[in-house]
Amino acid sequence: MTTPIKISAVSAIAIAMLATPAFAQTVKEDTDFDGVYVGGHFGYSAQSNDRGEGVVFDTNGDGEFGDGVFTTSGANAFAPGFCRGAAQGNNAAAGCRQDQNGIEYGLRIGADKRYGNFVVGALIEGSRSEAKDFVTAFSSTPANYTFTRELDYAISARARAGYTPGGGVLFYGTGGASYGRIENSFQTSNAANAFTPNKGKDWAWGWQAGGGVEAKIAPNMSIGLEYLYNKYGNDDYVVNVGPGTAPATNPFLLTSGQTDMRRSDPNFDFHSIRVTTAFRF
């Protein structure tokens, strides 16, 4: 899935670079990348390497996650460990399916101001990503417990600043704040306990930073290639584990009659590679 998108992005930029000289003769270079524009992007979201991520527990209800979940014999009920992905079976030996990367797309409106060969501006963008981030815990029962999160959509405001050497090409850096709606979900093969999430979809603040290149292919149109690193806070999705049909000797119930569990990584982050278009007024 990644190869066609990457090829399309590179091809788009190559076409832009080849087409630019022909149009440069009809465009005044001192007015390139100046004024209001609308546009969009299409690209690919790739998950960061959440090495060492797992699931943490609060067994005594004090709000502090870091407790161990133990059996009546004192053994670690989660000795099989954790994996950065979605469970493919009850046992850790079955392994996990990796995080799901996916396409992303969105629309933007912005404005640039040119000062000689330097350009400064700002934009507002609405976007959506199909990427999903998983983490799974395995208990010795055996059973699996999988947390999933994905970005439904986000509204972002970024500044950008760049340099144009002339000929209708702009190299820029960009960064700013983002407000995204993150959808969390939980699945388990444990049919004895009762599992109650505190919420599902929730808004979260984050930030973005990156850079790109934009090339004019017509007097009022440009295309480009852009990279962004995206990071959102996501530490308030908690699953409460209750008795259900499990006996009082159940590891989740031994300390206080219940246990809260959540992901150990408080952030949802991913990388974006995008092909962009802009139409200027």
C-alpha atoms as a PDB file:
ATOM      1  CA  MET A   1       0.000   0.000   0.000  1.00  0.00           C
ATOM      2  CA  THR A   2       2.834   2.372   0.714  1.00  0.00           C
ATOM      3  CA  THR A   3       4.578   1.966  -2.633  1.00  0.00           C
ATOM      4  CA  PRO A   4       1.865   3.444  -4.937  1.00  0.00           C
ATOM      5  CA  ILE A   5       1.441   6.466  -2.667  1.00  0.00           C
ATOM      6  CA  LYS A   6       5.156   7.105  -2.471  1.00  0.00           C
ATOM      7  CA  ILE A   7       5.492   6.713  -6.254  1.00  0.00           C
ATOM      8  CA  SER A   8       2.574   9.099  -6.819  1.00  0.00           C
ATOM      9  CA  ALA A   9       4.112  11.687  -4.499  1.00  0.00           C
ATOM     10  CA  VAL A  10       7.510  11.552  -6.161  1.00  0.00           C
ATOM     11  CA  SER A  11       5.933  11.607  -9.613  1.00  0.00           C
ATOM     12  CA  ALA A  12       3.839  14.644  -8.727  1.00  0.00           C
ATOM     13  CA  ILE A  13       6.860  16.608  -7.565  1.00  0.00           C
ATOM     14  CA  ALA A  14       8.883  15.562 -10.602  1.00  0.00           C
ATOM     15  CA  ILE A  15       6.127  16.756 -12.937  1.00  0.00           C
ATOM     16  CA  ALA A  16       5.931  20.031 -11.036  1.00  0.00           C
ATOM     17  CA  MET A  17       9.675  20.620 -11.287  1.00  0.00           C
ATOM     18  CA  LEU A  18       9.687  19.893 -15.010  1.00  0.00           C
ATOM     19  CA  ALA A  19       6.633  22.013 -15.673  1.00  0.00           C
ATOM     20  CA  THR A  20       7.775  25.018 -13.621  1.00  0.00           C
ATOM     21  CA  PRO A  21      10.276  26.523 -16.096  1.00  0.00           C
ATOM     22  CA  ALA A  22       7.629  26.694 -18.808  1.00  0.00           C
ATOM     23  CA  PHE A  23       5.233  28.604 -16.578  1.00  0.00           C
ATOM     24  CA  ALA A  24       7.891  30.757 -14.926  1.00  0.00           C
ATOM     25  CA  GLN A  25       8.010  32.914 -18.032  1.00  0.00           C
ATOM     26  CA  THR A  26       4.384  33.948 -17.501  1.00  0.00           C
ATOM     27  CA  VAL A  27       4.528  34.451 -13.713  1.00  0.00           C
ATOM     28  CA  LYS A  28       6.229  37.353 -11.977  1.00  0.00           C
ATOM     29  CA  GLU A  29       8.616  35.732  -9.547  1.00  0.00           C
ATOM     30  CA  ASP A  30       8.180  38.450  -6.936  1.00  0.00           C
ATOM     31  CA  THR A  31       4.497  37.543  -6.589  1.00  0.00           C
ATOM     32  CA  ASP A  32       4.908  33.759  -6.335  1.00  0.00           C
ATOM     33  CA  PHE A  33       3.577  32.296  -3.067  1.00  0.00           C
ATOM     34  CA  ASP A  34       1.918  35.531  -2.006  1.00  0.00           C
ATOM     35  CA  GLY A  35      -1.754  35.819  -1.048  1.00  0.00           C
ATOM     36  CA  VAL A  36      -4.679  33.599  -0.067  1.00  0.00           C
ATOM     37  CA  TYR A  37      -5.018  29.997  -1.208  1.00  0.00           C
ATOM     38  CA  VAL A  38      -7.238  26.931  -0.760  1.00  0.00           C
ATOM     39  CA  GLY A  39      -6.112  23.371  -1.268  1.00  0.00           C
ATOM     40  CA  GLY A  40      -5.934  19.864   0.035  1.00  0.00           C
ATOM     41  CA  HIS A  41      -3.734  16.875   0.616  1.00  0.00           C
ATOM     42  CA  PHE A  42      -3.722  13.108   0.181  1.00  0.00           C
ATOM     43  CA  GLY A  43      -1.115  10.877   1.728  1.00  0.00           C
ATOM     44  CA  TYR A  44      -0.098   8.152   4.134  1.00  0.00           C
ATOM     45  CA  SER A  45      -0.053   7.885   7.941  1.00  0.00           C
ATOM     46  CA  ALA A  46       2.695   5.686   9.384  1.00  0.00           C
ATOM     47  CA  GLN A  47       2.746   4.690  13.064  1.00  0.00           C
ATOM     48  CA  SER A  48       5.690   5.578  15.260  1.00  0.00           C
ATOM     49  CA  ASN A  49       7.682   2.774  16.871  1.00  0.00           C
ATOM     50  CA  ASP A  50       6.046   2.531  20.320  1.00  0.00           C
ATOM     51  CA  ARG A  51       8.785   0.274  21.617  1.00  0.00           C
ATOM     52  CA  GLY A  52       8.172  -0.933  25.150  1.00  0.00           C
ATOM     53  CA  GLU A  53       4.486   0.062  25.225  1.00  0.00           C
ATOM     54  CA  GLY A  54       2.201  -2.063  27.386  1.00  0.00           C
ATOM     55  CA  VAL A  55      -0.804  -1.874  29.699  1.00  0.00           C
ATOM     56  CA  VAL A  56      -0.694  -0.490  33.258  1.00  0.00           C
ATOM     57  CA  PHE A  57      -2.994  -1.209  36.198  1.00  0.00           C
ATOM     58  CA  ASP A  58      -4.497   0.481  39.242  1.00  0.00           C
ATOM     59  CA  THR A  59      -5.681  -2.292  41.549  1.00  0.00           C
ATOM     60  CA  ASN A  60      -6.417  -0.264  44.709  1.00  0.00           C
ATOM     61  CA  GLY A  61      -8.363   2.645  43.220  1.00  0.00           C
ATOM     62  CA  ASP A  62      -5.921   5.395  44.204  1.00  0.00           C
ATOM     63  CA  GLY A  63      -5.627   6.712  40.637  1.00  0.00           C
ATOM     64  CA  GLU A  64      -1.974   5.673  40.351  1.00  0.00           C
ATOM     65  CA  PHE A  65      -1.239   3.234  37.538  1.00  0.00           C
ATOM     66  CA  GLY A  66       1.741   1.019  38.264  1.00  0.00           C
ATOM     67  CA  ASP A  67       0.323  -1.783  40.399  1.00  0.00           C
ATOM     68  CA  GLY A  68       0.929  -5.437  39.717  1.00  0.00           C
ATOM     69  CA  VAL A  69      -1.935  -7.879  39.133  1.00  0.00           C
ATOM     70  CA  PHE A  70      -1.223 -11.084  41.036  1.00  0.00           C
ATOM     71  CA  THR A  71      -2.875 -14.471  41.550  1.00  0.00           C
ATOM     72  CA  THR A  72      -3.697 -15.897  44.984  1.00  0.00           C
ATOM     73  CA  SER A  73      -0.315 -17.646  44.928  1.00  0.00           C
ATOM     74  CA  GLY A  74       1.480 -14.320  44.334  1.00  0.00           C
ATOM     75  CA  ALA A  75       2.343 -15.019  40.691  1.00  0.00           C
ATOM     76  CA  ASN A  76       2.222 -12.213  38.121  1.00  0.00           C
ATOM     77  CA  ALA A  77      -1.070 -12.694  36.262  1.00  0.00           C
ATOM     78  CA  PHE A  78       0.413 -10.859  33.244  1.00  0.00           C
ATOM     79  CA  ALA A  79       3.703 -12.731  33.099  1.00  0.00           C
ATOM     80  CA  PRO A  80       3.158 -13.575  29.379  1.00  0.00           C
ATOM     81  CA  GLY A  81       3.701  -9.853  28.743  1.00  0.00           C
ATOM     82  CA  PHE A  82       2.596  -7.298  26.173  1.00  0.00           C
ATOM     83  CA  CYS A  83       2.887  -6.676  22.468  1.00  0.00           C
ATOM     84  CA  ARG A  84       2.721  -3.586  20.270  1.00  0.00           C
ATOM     85  CA  GLY A  85      -0.182  -4.727  18.099  1.00  0.00           C
ATOM     86  CA  ALA A  86      -3.555  -6.497  18.044  1.00  0.00           C
ATOM     87  CA  ALA A  87      -3.775 -10.029  19.469  1.00  0.00           C
ATOM     88  CA  GLN A  88      -4.083 -12.905  17.016  1.00  0.00           C
ATOM     89  CA  GLY A  89      -4.997 -15.418  19.722  1.00  0.00           C
ATOM     90  CA  ASN A  90      -5.358 -15.940  23.475  1.00  0.00           C
ATOM     91  CA  ASN A  91      -1.743 -16.907  23.966  1.00  0.00           C
ATOM     92  CA  ALA A  92       1.234 -14.592  23.603  1.00  0.00           C
ATOM     93  CA  ALA A  93       2.790 -17.288  21.423  1.00  0.00           C
ATOM     94  CA  ALA A  94       0.170 -16.536  18.752  1.00  0.00           C
ATOM     95  CA  GLY A  95       1.717 -13.112  18.337  1.00  0.00           C
ATOM     96  CA  CYS A  96       0.154  -9.816  17.328  1.00  0.00           C
ATOM     97  CA  ARG A  97      -0.879  -8.070  14.154  1.00  0.00           C
ATOM     98  CA  GLN A  98       1.132  -4.865  13.752  1.00  0.00           C
ATOM     99  CA  ASP A  99      -0.258  -1.344  13.993  1.00  0.00           C
ATOM    100  CA  GLN A 100      -2.359  -0.445  10.987  1.00  0.00           C
ATOM    101  CA  ASN A 101      -0.971   2.348   8.833  1.00  0.00           C
ATOM    102  CA  GLY A 102      -3.362   3.984   6.405  1.00  0.00           C
ATOM    103  CA  ILE A 103      -4.266   6.772   4.054  1.00  0.00           C
ATOM    104  CA  GLU A 104      -5.030  10.319   5.159  1.00  0.00           C
ATOM    105  CA  TYR A 105      -6.661  13.274   3.439  1.00  0.00           C
ATOM    106  CA  GLY A 106      -7.870  16.790   4.159  1.00  0.00           C
ATOM    107  CA  LEU A 107      -8.603  20.359   3.090  1.00  0.00           C
ATOM    108  CA  ARG A 108      -6.860  23.617   3.995  1.00  0.00           C
ATOM    109  CA  ILE A 109      -7.105  27.367   3.599  1.00  0.00           C
ATOM    110  CA  GLY A 110      -4.167  29.678   4.168  1.00  0.00           C
ATOM    111  CA  ALA A 111      -2.359  32.878   3.322  1.00  0.00           C
ATOM    112  CA  ASP A 112       1.280  33.698   2.578  1.00  0.00           C
ATOM    113  CA  LYS A 113       3.201  36.954   2.504  1.00  0.00           C
ATOM    114  CA  ARG A 114       6.410  37.256   0.530  1.00  0.00           C
ATOM    115  CA  TYR A 115       9.341  39.448   1.561  1.00  0.00           C
ATOM    116  CA  GLY A 116      11.966  39.218  -1.132  1.00  0.00           C
ATOM    117  CA  ASN A 117      12.910  35.551  -1.323  1.00  0.00           C
ATOM    118  CA  PHE A 118      11.403  34.741   2.083  1.00  0.00           C
ATOM    119  CA  VAL A 119       7.790  33.637   2.635  1.00  0.00           C
ATOM    120  CA  VAL A 120       5.821  33.553   5.898  1.00  0.00           C
ATOM    121  CA  GLY A 121       2.235  32.446   6.339  1.00  0.00           C
ATOM    122  CA  ALA A 122      -0.388  30.493   8.230  1.00  0.00           C
ATOM    123  CA  LEU A 123      -3.049  27.935   7.444  1.00  0.00           C
ATOM    124  CA  ILE A 124      -6.048  26.144   8.926  1.00  0.00           C
ATOM    125  CA  GLU A 125      -6.583  22.514   7.993  1.00  0.00           C
ATOM    126  CA  GLY A 126      -9.155  19.767   8.499  1.00  0.00           C
ATOM    127  CA  SER A 127      -7.894  16.204   8.103  1.00  0.00           C
ATOM    128  CA  ARG A 128      -8.649  12.548   8.674  1.00  0.00           C
ATOM    129  CA  SER A 129      -6.393   9.495   9.045  1.00  0.00           C
ATOM    130  CA  GLU A 130      -7.192   5.793   8.643  1.00  0.00           C
ATOM    131  CA  ALA A 131      -4.247   4.639  10.816  1.00  0.00           C
ATOM    132  CA  LYS A 132      -4.880   2.552  13.963  1.00  0.00           C
ATOM    133  CA  ASP A 133      -2.627   2.103  16.992  1.00  0.00           C
ATOM    134  CA  PHE A 134      -2.882  -1.155  19.000  1.00  0.00           C
ATOM    135  CA  VAL A 135      -1.410  -2.545  22.199  1.00  0.00           C
ATOM    136  CA  THR A 136      -2.213  -5.914  23.800  1.00  0.00           C
ATOM    137  CA  ALA A 137      -1.703  -7.479  27.216  1.00  0.00           C
ATOM    138  CA  PHE A 138      -1.703 -11.269  27.733  1.00  0.00           C
ATOM    139  CA  SER A 139      -2.710 -12.897  31.026  1.00  0.00           C
ATOM    140  CA  SER A 140      -1.813 -16.384  32.160  1.00  0.00           C
ATOM    141  CA  THR A 141      -5.503 -17.435  32.106  1.00  0.00           C
ATOM    142  CA  PRO A 142      -4.853 -17.401  29.067  1.00  0.00           C
ATOM    143  CA  ALA A 143      -6.613 -14.333  27.689  1.00  0.00           C
ATOM    144  CA  ASN A 144      -5.850 -11.217  25.646  1.00  0.00           C
ATOM    145  CA  TYR A 145      -6.729  -7.544  26.257  1.00  0.00           C
ATOM    146  CA  THR A 146      -6.365  -5.204  23.254  1.00  0.00           C
ATOM    147  CA  PHE A 147      -6.587  -1.401  23.219  1.00  0.00           C
ATOM    148  CA  THR A 148      -7.140   0.405  19.900  1.00  0.00           C
ATOM    149  CA  ARG A 149      -7.058   4.110  19.044  1.00  0.00           C
ATOM    150  CA  GLU A 150      -7.441   6.064  15.825  1.00  0.00           C
ATOM    151  CA  LEU A 151      -7.839   9.682  14.784  1.00  0.00           C
ATOM    152  CA  ASP A 152     -11.363  10.300  13.483  1.00  0.00           C
ATOM    153  CA  TYR A 153     -10.509  13.807  12.314  1.00  0.00           C
ATOM    154  CA  ALA A 154      -8.536  16.854  13.391  1.00  0.00           C
ATOM    155  CA  ILE A 155      -8.573  20.629  13.021  1.00  0.00           C
ATOM    156  CA  SER A 156      -5.096  22.152  12.877  1.00  0.00           C
ATOM    157  CA  ALA A 157      -3.622  25.647  12.754  1.00  0.00           C
ATOM    158  CA  ARG A 158      -0.013  25.933  11.613  1.00  0.00           C
ATOM    159  CA  ALA A 159       2.456  28.662  10.768  1.00  0.00           C
ATOM    160  CA  ARG A 160       4.943  28.202   7.991  1.00  0.00           C
ATOM    161  CA  ALA A 161       8.073  29.955   6.827  1.00  0.00           C
ATOM    162  CA  GLY A 162      10.177  29.271   3.789  1.00  0.00           C
ATOM    163  CA  TYR A 163      12.573  30.357   1.100  1.00  0.00           C
ATOM    164  CA  THR A 164      12.025  30.564  -2.638  1.00  0.00           C
ATOM    165  CA  PRO A 165      15.116  30.852  -4.829  1.00  0.00           C
ATOM    166  CA  GLY A 166      12.948  31.854  -7.787  1.00  0.00           C
ATOM    167  CA  GLY A 167      11.397  29.887 -10.592  1.00  0.00           C
ATOM    168  CA  GLY A 168       8.237  29.033  -8.690  1.00  0.00           C
ATOM    169  CA  VAL A 169       9.601  26.667  -6.009  1.00  0.00           C
ATOM    170  CA  LEU A 170       9.204  27.114  -2.245  1.00  0.00           C
ATOM    171  CA  PHE A 171      11.034  25.190   0.502  1.00  0.00           C
ATOM    172  CA  TYR A 172       9.398  25.591   3.919  1.00  0.00           C
ATOM    173  CA  GLY A 173       9.093  24.468   7.512  1.00  0.00           C
ATOM    174  CA  THR A 174       5.758  24.342   9.316  1.00  0.00           C
ATOM    175  CA  GLY A 175       4.381  23.727  12.808  1.00  0.00           C
ATOM    176  CA  GLY A 176       1.456  24.446  15.089  1.00  0.00           C
ATOM    177  CA  ALA A 177      -1.397  23.155  17.252  1.00  0.00           C
ATOM    178  CA  SER A 178      -3.974  20.510  16.434  1.00  0.00           C
ATOM    179  CA  TYR A 179      -7.239  19.480  18.062  1.00  0.00           C
ATOM    180  CA  GLY A 180      -8.290  15.935  17.196  1.00  0.00           C
ATOM    181  CA  ARG A 181     -11.135  13.567  17.962  1.00  0.00           C
ATOM    182  CA  ILE A 182      -9.619  10.245  18.973  1.00  0.00           C
ATOM    183  CA  GLU A 183     -11.674   7.058  19.029  1.00  0.00           C
ATOM    184  CA  ASN A 184     -10.596   4.519  21.651  1.00  0.00           C
ATOM    185  CA  SER A 185     -11.900   0.967  21.897  1.00  0.00           C
ATOM    186  CA  PHE A 186     -11.188  -2.209  23.856  1.00  0.00           C
ATOM    187  CA  GLN A 187     -11.542  -5.940  23.182  1.00  0.00           C
ATOM    188  CA  THR A 188     -10.799  -8.985  25.308  1.00  0.00           C
ATOM    189  CA  SER A 189     -11.215 -12.746  25.215  1.00  0.00           C
ATOM    190  CA  ASN A 190     -11.855 -12.769  28.984  1.00  0.00           C
ATOM    191  CA  ALA A 191     -15.521 -13.732  29.346  1.00  0.00           C
ATOM    192  CA  ALA A 192     -15.561 -13.941  33.150  1.00  0.00           C
ATOM    193  CA  ASN A 193     -14.923 -10.364  34.300  1.00  0.00           C
ATOM    194  CA  ALA A 194     -17.003  -7.316  33.384  1.00  0.00           C
ATOM    195  CA  PHE A 195     -15.191  -4.559  31.436  1.00  0.00           C
ATOM    196  CA  THR A 196     -16.489  -0.987  31.396  1.00  0.00           C
ATOM    197  CA  PRO A 197     -14.650   1.762  29.438  1.00  0.00           C
ATOM    198  CA  ASN A 198     -15.025   5.293  30.821  1.00  0.00           C
ATOM    199  CA  LYS A 199     -15.392   6.830  27.347  1.00  0.00           C
ATOM    200  CA  GLY A 200     -14.948   6.136  23.655  1.00  0.00           C
ATOM    201  CA  LYS A 201     -14.479   9.117  21.377  1.00  0.00           C
ATOM    202  CA  ASP A 202     -12.762  12.088  22.973  1.00  0.00           C
ATOM    203  CA  TRP A 203     -11.174  15.361  21.854  1.00  0.00           C
ATOM    204  CA  ALA A 204      -7.467  15.815  22.506  1.00  0.00           C
ATOM    205  CA  TRP A 205      -4.912  18.582  21.988  1.00  0.00           C
ATOM    206  CA  GLY A 206      -1.758  17.918  20.042  1.00  0.00           C
ATOM    207  CA  TRP A 207       0.853  19.477  17.818  1.00  0.00           C
ATOM    208  CA  GLN A 208       2.374  19.038  14.379  1.00  0.00           C
ATOM    209  CA  ALA A 209       5.768  19.917  12.906  1.00  0.00           C
ATOM    210  CA  GLY A 210       7.477  19.247   9.616  1.00  0.00           C
ATOM    211  CA  GLY A 211       8.333  20.744   6.277  1.00  0.00           C
ATOM    212  CA  GLY A 212       7.995  20.406   2.551  1.00  0.00           C
ATOM    213  CA  VAL A 213       8.475  21.718  -0.942  1.00  0.00           C
ATOM    214  CA  GLU A 214       5.863  23.387  -3.130  1.00  0.00           C
ATOM    215  CA  ALA A 215       6.183  24.041  -6.866  1.00  0.00           C
ATOM    216  CA  LYS A 216       4.079  26.167  -9.228  1.00  0.00           C
ATOM    217  CA  ILE A 217       2.663  24.261 -12.202  1.00  0.00           C
ATOM    218  CA  ALA A 218       0.432  27.126 -13.374  1.00  0.00           C
ATOM    219  CA  PRO A 219       0.154  30.836 -12.526  1.00  0.00           C
ATOM    220  CA  ASN A 220      -2.441  30.115  -9.801  1.00  0.00           C
ATOM    221  CA  MET A 221      -1.790  26.472  -8.969  1.00  0.00           C
ATOM    222  CA  SER A 222       0.940  24.539  -7.164  1.00  0.00           C
ATOM    223  CA  ILE A 223       1.559  20.996  -5.956  1.00  0.00           C
ATOM    224  CA  GLY A 224       3.949  19.786  -3.303  1.00  0.00           C
ATOM    225  CA  LEU A 225       5.300  17.101  -1.036  1.00  0.00           C
ATOM    226  CA  GLU A 226       4.977  17.530   2.743  1.00  0.00           C
ATOM    227  CA  TYR A 227       6.080  15.648   5.857  1.00  0.00           C
ATOM    228  CA  LEU A 228       4.496  16.119   9.307  1.00  0.00           C
ATOM    229  CA  TYR A 229       5.070  14.560  12.716  1.00  0.00           C
ATOM    230  CA  ASN A 230       1.780  14.441  14.667  1.00  0.00           C
ATOM    231  CA  LYS A 231       1.390  13.969  18.425  1.00  0.00           C
ATOM    232  CA  TYR A 232      -1.793  13.984  20.548  1.00  0.00           C
ATOM    233  CA  GLY A 233      -2.268  13.485  24.284  1.00  0.00           C
ATOM    234  CA  ASN A 234      -4.400  10.412  24.942  1.00  0.00           C
ATOM    235  CA  ASP A 235      -4.050   9.228  28.546  1.00  0.00           C
ATOM    236  CA  ASP A 236      -7.585   9.389  29.916  1.00  0.00           C
ATOM    237  CA  TYR A 237      -9.144   6.282  28.331  1.00  0.00           C
ATOM    238  CA  VAL A 238      -9.554   3.805  31.207  1.00  0.00           C
ATOM    239  CA  VAL A 239     -11.238   0.384  31.312  1.00  0.00           C
ATOM    240  CA  ASN A 240     -12.680  -0.684  34.681  1.00  0.00           C
ATOM    241  CA  VAL A 241     -12.581  -4.411  35.402  1.00  0.00           C
ATOM    242  CA  GLY A 242     -15.357  -5.673  37.686  1.00  0.00           C
ATOM    243  CA  PRO A 243     -16.473  -9.078  38.999  1.00  0.00           C
ATOM    244  CA  GLY A 244     -18.832 -10.196  36.246  1.00  0.00           C
ATOM    245  CA  THR A 245     -19.120 -13.926  36.893  1.00  0.00           C
ATOM    246  CA  ALA A 246     -15.553 -14.197  38.230  1.00  0.00           C
ATOM    247  CA  PRO A 247     -14.976 -15.338  41.843  1.00  0.00           C
ATOM    248  CA  ALA A 248     -13.486 -13.060  44.495  1.00  0.00           C
ATOM    249  CA  THR A 249     -10.175 -14.888  44.036  1.00  0.00           C
ATOM    250  CA  ASN A 250      -9.863 -13.480  40.501  1.00  0.00           C
ATOM    251  CA  PRO A 251      -6.552 -11.540  40.161  1.00  0.00           C
ATOM    252  CA  PHE A 252      -8.376  -8.369  39.086  1.00  0.00           C
ATOM    253  CA  LEU A 253     -10.463  -8.449  42.284  1.00  0.00           C
ATOM    254  CA  LEU A 254      -8.052  -9.512  45.008  1.00  0.00           C
ATOM    255  CA  THR A 255      -6.901  -6.065  46.162  1.00  0.00           C
ATOM    256  CA  SER A 256     -10.051  -3.911  46.101  1.00  0.00           C
ATOM    257  CA  GLY A 257     -12.725  -5.837  44.256  1.00  0.00           C
ATOM    258  CA  GLN A 258     -11.913  -4.130  40.940  1.00  0.00           C
ATOM    259  CA  THR A 259      -9.037  -2.913  38.744  1.00  0.00           C
ATOM    260  CA  ASP A 260      -8.599  -0.036  36.305  1.00  0.00           C
ATOM    261  CA  MET A 261      -6.391  -0.558  33.254  1.00  0.00           C
ATOM    262  CA  ARG A 262      -5.097   1.708  30.476  1.00  0.00           C
ATOM    263  CA  ARG A 263      -2.294   2.010  27.931  1.00  0.00           C
ATOM    264  CA  SER A 264       1.167   2.871  29.258  1.00  0.00           C
ATOM    265  CA  ASP A 265       1.868   5.325  26.392  1.00  0.00           C
ATOM    266  CA  PRO A 266      -0.029   8.593  27.037  1.00  0.00           C
ATOM    267  CA  ASN A 267       0.484   9.862  23.487  1.00  0.00           C
ATOM    268  CA  PHE A 268      -0.864   8.962  20.060  1.00  0.00           C
ATOM    269  CA  ASP A 269       1.753   9.898  17.478  1.00  0.00           C
ATOM    270  CA  PHE A 270       2.332   9.139  13.815  1.00  0.00           C
ATOM    271  CA  HIS A 271       4.129  10.376  10.708  1.00  0.00           C
ATOM    272  CA  SER A 272       2.433  11.851   7.639  1.00  0.00           C
ATOM    273  CA  ILE A 273       3.712  11.931   4.067  1.00  0.00           C
ATOM    274  CA  ARG A 274       1.436  13.956   1.808  1.00  0.00           C
ATOM    275  CA  VAL A 275       0.992  15.218  -1.719  1.00  0.00           C
ATOM    276  CA  THR A 276      -0.507  18.726  -1.536  1.00  0.00           C
ATOM    277  CA  THR A 277      -2.303  21.022  -3.965  1.00  0.00           C
ATOM    278  CA  ALA A 278      -3.059  24.746  -3.683  1.00  0.00           C
ATOM    279  CA  PHE A 279      -5.098  27.188  -5.764  1.00  0.00           C
ATOM    280  CA  ARG A 280      -4.223  30.857  -5.220  1.00  0.00           C
ATOM    281  CA  PHE A 281      -6.390  33.915  -5.632  1.00  0.00           C
END
